[in-house]
């Protein structure tokens, strides 16, 4: 049982409702969320606010089934963690307004915003950020400090530490996608071919870019806005267009290199070895992946 009494919990809930969606006058506990003007996103924010205030995690099924303030109050009044227990559990996401399916793993300090989803079988590292509506599909492996912009979609890809997938970008997996089998049966997840994308450390996939199945984007590479990438991208390469072609080199800091292969912002220097670029003074290229 929670230490706070029912009246205190009710006050906290009603205050949260008013914060999310200001209401004229007093709010009755039996008023429906629809009547209060709270849509599904408002309810996510409401529950998050209540969780922060009470230390109780509200499961998805409770949120989905709640129609009135009293529905949430009934749950809070009967379920609560022990005084010394972390209600979110070890390694839980710091901000979790999205959905983590059973069987998915999200590392400590990672943040999921509204409508972000991590599918069963996906693994998210520590200190990652998944923006509104971002999707991480089954089999995906994200390293630490990876950032997914709003509505980015990752299907089975392996993404190394410190990489950035910008808003509306898509990392595709199936090289021959169909909704149904040749005999007309709806395809299940086991029917799709898996040829996932690999993204190297510190690489950036620009907003709206599409990465074809099986492509490897090298470490520190930069894929331009709206590019359609159908072949591998070298480390430090800048690619753009449809289909994407290399049009320059970029520094670890993200700036385009001058013709001298020196960064105009941080002054790092690079040297060409055949078709590849290497950071001067660092035989490991400051990167192991």
Foldseek 3Di string as FASTA:
>chain_A
DAPDDLVVLLVQLQVLLCVLQNDPDDDDQADFCVNSVQDPLSLLSSQQSSCVVRQAHDDPVQSVPDGTNVSVSVVSNPDDDPPPDRNQDPQGEPADSEEEDPQEEAGHPEHEDAHEYEDHQEYHYHNEYEEHQEYEAHLEYYYYHEYEEHNEYAHNEYEYPQEYEYAQEYWDFAQDDDQADPVRHGDDPVPGHGQGEYEFALEYEAHLEYEHGNEYEYHLEYEYHNEHEDHYHAHQFYWYDVPIDTDAGADSVGATADPQQAGPPPGFHWDDDDPHIATPPDPCSPGDD
